[in-house]
Protein backbone atom coordinates (compact mmCIF):
# COMPACT_ATOMS: atom_id res chain seq x y z
CA MET A 1 22.73 26.85 25.23
CA TRP A 2 20.07 27.20 22.53
CA PRO A 3 22.08 25.46 19.78
CA ALA A 4 22.71 22.53 22.12
CA TYR A 5 19.00 22.33 23.02
CA TYR A 6 17.85 22.35 19.41
CA GLY A 7 20.58 19.89 18.51
CA ARG A 8 19.28 17.45 21.12
CA VAL A 9 15.73 17.92 19.85
CA VAL A 10 16.77 17.15 16.26
CA LEU A 11 18.84 14.13 17.30
CA ASN A 12 15.99 12.75 19.42
CA LEU A 13 13.59 13.25 16.53
CA LEU A 14 15.90 11.45 14.10
CA ASP A 15 16.41 8.65 16.62
CA GLU A 16 12.65 8.23 17.04
CA MET A 17 12.07 8.27 13.27
CA GLY A 18 14.77 5.63 12.80
CA ARG A 19 13.27 3.40 15.48
CA MET A 20 9.82 3.72 13.93
CA ALA A 21 11.17 2.96 10.44
CA LEU A 22 12.90 -0.19 11.72
CA PHE A 23 9.73 -1.17 13.59
CA CYS A 24 7.70 -0.72 10.38
CA ALA A 25 10.18 -2.71 8.30
CA GLY A 26 10.22 -5.50 10.88
CA ALA A 27 6.42 -5.64 10.94
CA PHE A 28 6.23 -5.99 7.14
CA VAL A 29 8.96 -8.65 7.07
CA ARG A 30 7.13 -10.72 9.67
CA LEU A 31 3.83 -10.16 7.89
CA ALA A 32 5.24 -11.59 4.65
CA THR A 33 6.95 -14.66 6.14
CA PRO A 34 5.36 -17.77 7.66
CA PRO A 35 3.96 -18.90 9.99
CA PHE A 36 0.73 -16.97 9.49
CA SER A 37 -1.79 -16.61 12.29
CA PHE A 38 -5.06 -16.44 10.36
CA ARG A 39 -7.11 -16.75 13.53
CA ARG A 40 -5.54 -13.67 15.07
CA ILE A 41 -5.87 -11.79 11.77
CA ALA A 42 -9.59 -12.66 11.68
CA GLN A 43 -9.98 -11.42 15.25
CA GLN A 44 -8.37 -8.10 14.32
CA ILE A 45 -10.52 -7.79 11.19
CA LEU A 46 -13.54 -8.18 13.44
CA PHE A 47 -12.25 -5.55 15.84
CA ILE A 48 -10.87 -3.00 13.36
CA GLY A 49 -13.33 -3.55 10.53
CA ALA A 50 -16.68 -4.95 11.61
CA LYS A 51 -16.88 -3.02 14.88
CA SER A 52 -15.99 0.23 13.10
CA LEU A 53 -18.64 -0.25 10.43
CA SER A 54 -21.46 1.59 12.22
CA ILE A 55 -19.46 4.71 13.05
CA VAL A 56 -17.95 4.84 9.55
CA ALA A 57 -21.36 4.43 7.88
CA LEU A 58 -22.97 7.04 10.13
CA THR A 59 -20.15 9.51 9.47
CA GLY A 60 -20.37 8.83 5.73
CA LEU A 61 -24.14 9.37 5.67
CA PHE A 62 -24.08 12.76 7.34
CA THR A 63 -20.95 13.85 5.46
CA GLY A 64 -22.72 13.13 2.19
CA MET A 65 -25.87 14.92 3.35
CA VAL A 66 -23.91 18.01 4.37
CA LEU A 67 -22.02 17.95 1.06
CA GLY A 68 -25.32 17.67 -0.82
CA ILE A 69 -26.75 20.76 0.90
CA GLN A 70 -23.61 22.89 0.69
CA LEU A 71 -22.72 22.04 -2.89
CA TYR A 72 -26.31 22.46 -4.06
CA HIS A 73 -26.48 26.07 -2.85
CA VAL A 74 -23.02 26.87 -4.23
CA LEU A 75 -23.73 25.30 -7.61
CA THR A 76 -27.16 26.94 -7.82
CA ARG A 77 -25.48 30.35 -7.67
CA LEU A 78 -23.35 29.34 -10.63
CA GLY A 79 -26.23 27.74 -12.53
CA SER A 80 -24.50 24.35 -12.41
CA GLU A 81 -26.68 22.35 -10.05
CA THR A 82 -26.82 19.53 -12.63
CA VAL A 83 -23.26 18.49 -11.67
CA LEU A 84 -24.21 17.99 -8.01
CA GLY A 85 -23.87 14.19 -8.21
CA LEU A 86 -20.40 14.42 -9.74
CA ALA A 87 -19.24 17.00 -7.19
CA VAL A 88 -20.44 14.91 -4.25
CA ALA A 89 -18.97 11.69 -5.62
CA LEU A 90 -15.54 13.14 -6.42
CA SER A 91 -15.32 14.93 -3.07
CA LEU A 92 -16.02 11.69 -1.25
CA ILE A 93 -14.03 9.27 -3.41
CA ARG A 94 -10.90 11.39 -3.78
CA GLU A 95 -10.63 13.06 -0.38
CA LEU A 96 -13.25 12.83 2.32
CA GLY A 97 -13.85 9.09 2.14
CA PRO A 98 -10.28 7.90 2.79
CA VAL A 99 -9.42 10.72 5.21
CA LEU A 100 -12.50 10.64 7.42
CA THR A 101 -12.56 6.84 7.45
CA ALA A 102 -8.96 6.78 8.63
CA LEU A 103 -9.64 9.41 11.30
CA MET A 104 -12.66 7.52 12.59
CA ILE A 105 -10.73 4.25 12.79
CA THR A 106 -7.84 6.04 14.50
CA GLY A 107 -10.14 7.34 17.20
CA ARG A 108 -11.88 4.03 17.75
CA ALA A 109 -9.38 1.25 16.98
CA GLY A 110 -6.02 3.03 16.85
CA SER A 111 -6.30 4.35 20.38
CA SER A 112 -7.23 0.86 21.57
CA MET A 113 -4.17 -0.64 19.87
CA ALA A 114 -1.85 1.82 21.57
CA ALA A 115 -3.48 1.39 24.98
CA GLU A 116 -3.56 -2.42 24.78
CA LEU A 117 0.09 -2.75 23.78
CA GLY A 118 1.06 -0.11 26.33
CA ILE A 119 -0.60 -2.04 29.15
CA MET A 120 1.04 -5.24 27.94
CA ARG A 121 4.40 -3.47 28.01
CA ILE A 122 4.14 -2.04 31.53
CA SER A 123 2.71 -5.31 32.88
CA GLU A 124 5.70 -7.16 31.34
CA GLN A 125 3.54 -9.37 29.12
CA ILE A 126 5.66 -8.44 26.08
CA ASP A 127 8.81 -9.38 28.00
CA ALA A 128 7.12 -12.68 28.85
CA LEU A 129 6.57 -13.37 25.15
CA ASP A 130 10.28 -12.78 24.57
CA THR A 131 11.09 -15.17 27.39
CA MET A 132 8.95 -17.86 25.77
CA SER A 133 10.76 -17.30 22.42
CA ILE A 134 7.61 -15.82 20.85
CA ASP A 135 8.32 -12.86 18.57
CA PRO A 136 6.20 -10.00 20.03
CA VAL A 137 6.14 -8.04 16.77
CA ARG A 138 4.94 -11.07 14.78
CA TYR A 139 2.40 -12.05 17.45
CA LEU A 140 1.03 -8.59 18.30
CA VAL A 141 1.70 -6.24 15.39
CA GLY A 142 1.56 -8.51 12.31
CA PRO A 143 -2.13 -9.48 12.63
CA ARG A 144 -3.13 -5.87 13.28
CA LEU A 145 -1.22 -4.66 10.23
CA ALA A 146 -2.74 -7.36 8.00
CA ALA A 147 -6.24 -6.58 9.28
CA ALA A 148 -5.74 -2.84 8.75
CA LEU A 149 -4.63 -3.37 5.15
CA VAL A 150 -7.83 -5.34 4.53
CA CYS A 151 -10.28 -3.18 6.47
CA PHE A 152 -9.29 0.38 5.53
CA PRO A 153 -10.07 0.08 1.78
CA LEU A 154 -13.31 -1.83 2.45
CA LEU A 155 -14.52 0.70 5.01
CA THR A 156 -13.52 3.53 2.67
CA ALA A 157 -15.67 1.98 -0.07
CA ILE A 158 -18.60 1.72 2.34
CA PHE A 159 -18.09 5.34 3.41
CA ASP A 160 -18.13 6.47 -0.24
CA VAL A 161 -21.29 4.56 -1.11
CA VAL A 162 -23.19 5.69 1.98
CA GLY A 163 -21.96 9.27 1.48
CA ILE A 164 -23.18 9.32 -2.12
CA LEU A 165 -26.53 8.03 -0.88
CA GLY A 166 -26.60 10.84 1.69
CA GLY A 167 -25.91 13.39 -1.05
CA TYR A 168 -28.75 11.85 -3.08
CA LEU A 169 -31.15 12.17 -0.15
CA THR A 170 -30.48 15.87 0.33
CA GLY A 171 -29.87 16.85 -3.29
CA VAL A 172 -32.63 14.86 -4.97
CA VAL A 173 -35.21 13.93 -2.33
CA MET A 174 -35.09 17.12 -0.24
CA LEU A 175 -33.96 19.84 -2.67
CA GLY A 176 -35.49 18.53 -5.88
CA THR A 177 -32.51 17.95 -8.17
CA ASN A 178 -33.34 15.60 -11.04
CA SER A 179 -32.55 12.02 -10.04
CA GLY A 180 -31.42 10.89 -13.49
CA THR A 181 -29.12 13.88 -13.89
CA TYR A 182 -27.58 13.28 -10.45
CA LEU A 183 -26.75 9.65 -11.23
CA TRP A 184 -25.78 10.17 -14.88
CA ARG A 185 -23.36 12.99 -14.12
CA MET A 186 -21.77 10.90 -11.40
CA GLU A 187 -21.44 7.83 -13.63
CA ALA A 188 -20.04 9.83 -16.56
CA GLY A 189 -17.60 11.92 -14.53
CA VAL A 190 -16.05 9.49 -12.04
CA GLU A 191 -13.07 7.69 -13.57
CA ALA A 192 -11.24 4.56 -12.51
CA LYS A 193 -8.16 6.55 -11.46
CA ASP A 194 -10.30 8.46 -8.94
CA VAL A 195 -11.38 5.22 -7.30
CA TYR A 196 -7.89 3.71 -7.38
CA GLY A 197 -6.46 6.89 -5.91
CA GLY A 198 -8.90 6.74 -3.00
CA PHE A 199 -8.01 3.12 -2.31
CA LEU A 200 -4.29 3.89 -2.51
CA LYS A 201 -4.76 6.57 0.13
CA ALA A 202 -6.70 4.10 2.29
CA VAL A 203 -3.82 1.59 2.14
CA VAL A 204 -1.25 4.26 3.05
CA PHE A 205 -3.42 5.47 5.93
CA ALA A 206 -3.78 1.87 7.14
CA VAL A 207 -0.01 1.53 7.41
CA ILE A 208 0.33 4.91 9.13
CA VAL A 209 -2.37 4.29 11.73
CA CYS A 210 -1.35 0.72 12.54
CA ILE A 211 2.41 1.35 12.72
CA VAL A 212 2.19 4.60 14.69
CA CYS A 213 -0.36 3.31 17.20
CA CYS A 214 1.37 -0.05 17.70
CA TYR A 215 4.78 1.60 17.96
CA GLN A 216 3.65 4.10 20.59
CA GLY A 217 2.09 1.35 22.69
CA TYR A 218 5.00 -1.04 22.18
CA MET A 219 7.52 1.63 23.26
CA THR A 220 5.56 2.91 26.26
CA HIS A 221 8.42 1.97 28.59
CA ARG A 222 10.63 4.54 26.81
CA ASN A 223 8.24 7.39 27.52
CA ARG A 224 10.24 9.96 29.47
CA ALA A 225 7.22 12.04 30.44
CA GLY A 226 5.67 9.37 32.64
CA HIS A 227 5.57 5.72 33.59
CA GLY A 228 2.86 3.21 34.47
CA ALA A 229 -0.71 4.31 33.82
CA ARG A 230 0.40 7.85 32.98
CA GLY A 231 2.83 6.49 30.39
CA VAL A 232 0.06 4.47 28.73
CA SER A 233 -2.25 7.50 28.59
CA LEU A 234 0.50 9.66 27.09
CA SER A 235 1.39 6.99 24.53
CA THR A 236 -2.27 6.64 23.52
CA THR A 237 -2.72 10.40 23.17
CA THR A 238 0.50 10.70 21.18
CA ALA A 239 -0.53 7.84 18.91
CA VAL A 240 -3.92 9.38 18.05
CA VAL A 241 -2.55 12.89 17.52
CA MET A 242 0.46 11.74 15.48
CA SER A 243 -1.66 9.41 13.34
CA SER A 244 -4.21 12.15 12.63
CA VAL A 245 -1.54 14.67 11.65
CA LEU A 246 0.31 12.17 9.45
CA ILE A 247 -2.96 11.24 7.74
CA LEU A 248 -3.55 14.86 6.76
CA VAL A 249 0.06 15.45 5.71
CA SER A 250 0.25 12.26 3.64
CA ASP A 251 -3.13 13.08 2.08
CA TYR A 252 -1.70 16.32 0.75
CA VAL A 253 1.41 14.60 -0.57
CA LEU A 254 -0.54 11.81 -2.26
CA THR A 255 -3.05 14.25 -3.76
CA SER A 256 -0.17 16.28 -5.22
CA PHE A 257 1.09 13.18 -7.05
CA LEU A 258 -2.27 11.70 -8.02
CA LEU A 259 -3.85 14.79 -9.60
C-alpha cells in the first residue's frame, strides 16, 4: 500500500515537473520568434514594473534602515563600525535586494498573473484563443515573461539604491557614523562581480516567478483539489507559495556558485 502511494506521488511530481519544463521551453521559444507584441509587453512592464515600484522602494528603504541599525550595533562591539557602509551594501546587493524584490513582486504581480490566467481558463477564454488560431502561450505568457526579464533587474537596482540610502540615514544621520567613511568603504569594497551576481539572481527569479505563476493559472483546469472559483484560488495560492520557495532554494544554489 505505502510503496504504491509513494510511487504515485513521485510519478505525479515528475509528470508535473515535465509539464512545467515543456511550458517554460515553449514560452522561451515563442518569446524569441516573431511576431513580437511590443504593445502587450509594454502593458506588462507597466503592470509588473511601474506599479510595483512603490512597494519595492518602500521595502528597500526600511530594509536598509533596519540593516543600518543592526549592523551598527554588531560592528560597534567588534570595533569595526567603519565598515558599516560596505556591510550594508554587500548585504543588499548580493542577497536581500534580489530576494526581497522577487518576493514582493510575487505577492503583488505573480498572484495576479495566476489568478487572471486561471479565470481565463475556467471561463474558456483560452480555449477561444485556440479556436481562433491564436497561440495562447505566445499571446498570454510571452509578454509577461519579456516584461519580467526587464523589470526584475531594474527593480532590484532600485531596491539596492534605496536600501543603501536607508542604511545611510540610520548609520550616518541617526547614529553618527562618519559620512565619508561610510561611502568610501562601500565604494572601495563593492566589486563588479557582486553587482553582476545580484542581477543574475534577479533574472533567474524573473523566470521562476513568471513561469510558475503563469503555469499554475494556465493549468487551473487540471487542479484535482477543486474546480471553478475554488480551483483559481488554489492555483493562485500554489503559485505564490511555490514561487517563494523556489526563489529561496535557487538563491542558495546561485550563491554557492557565485561566491
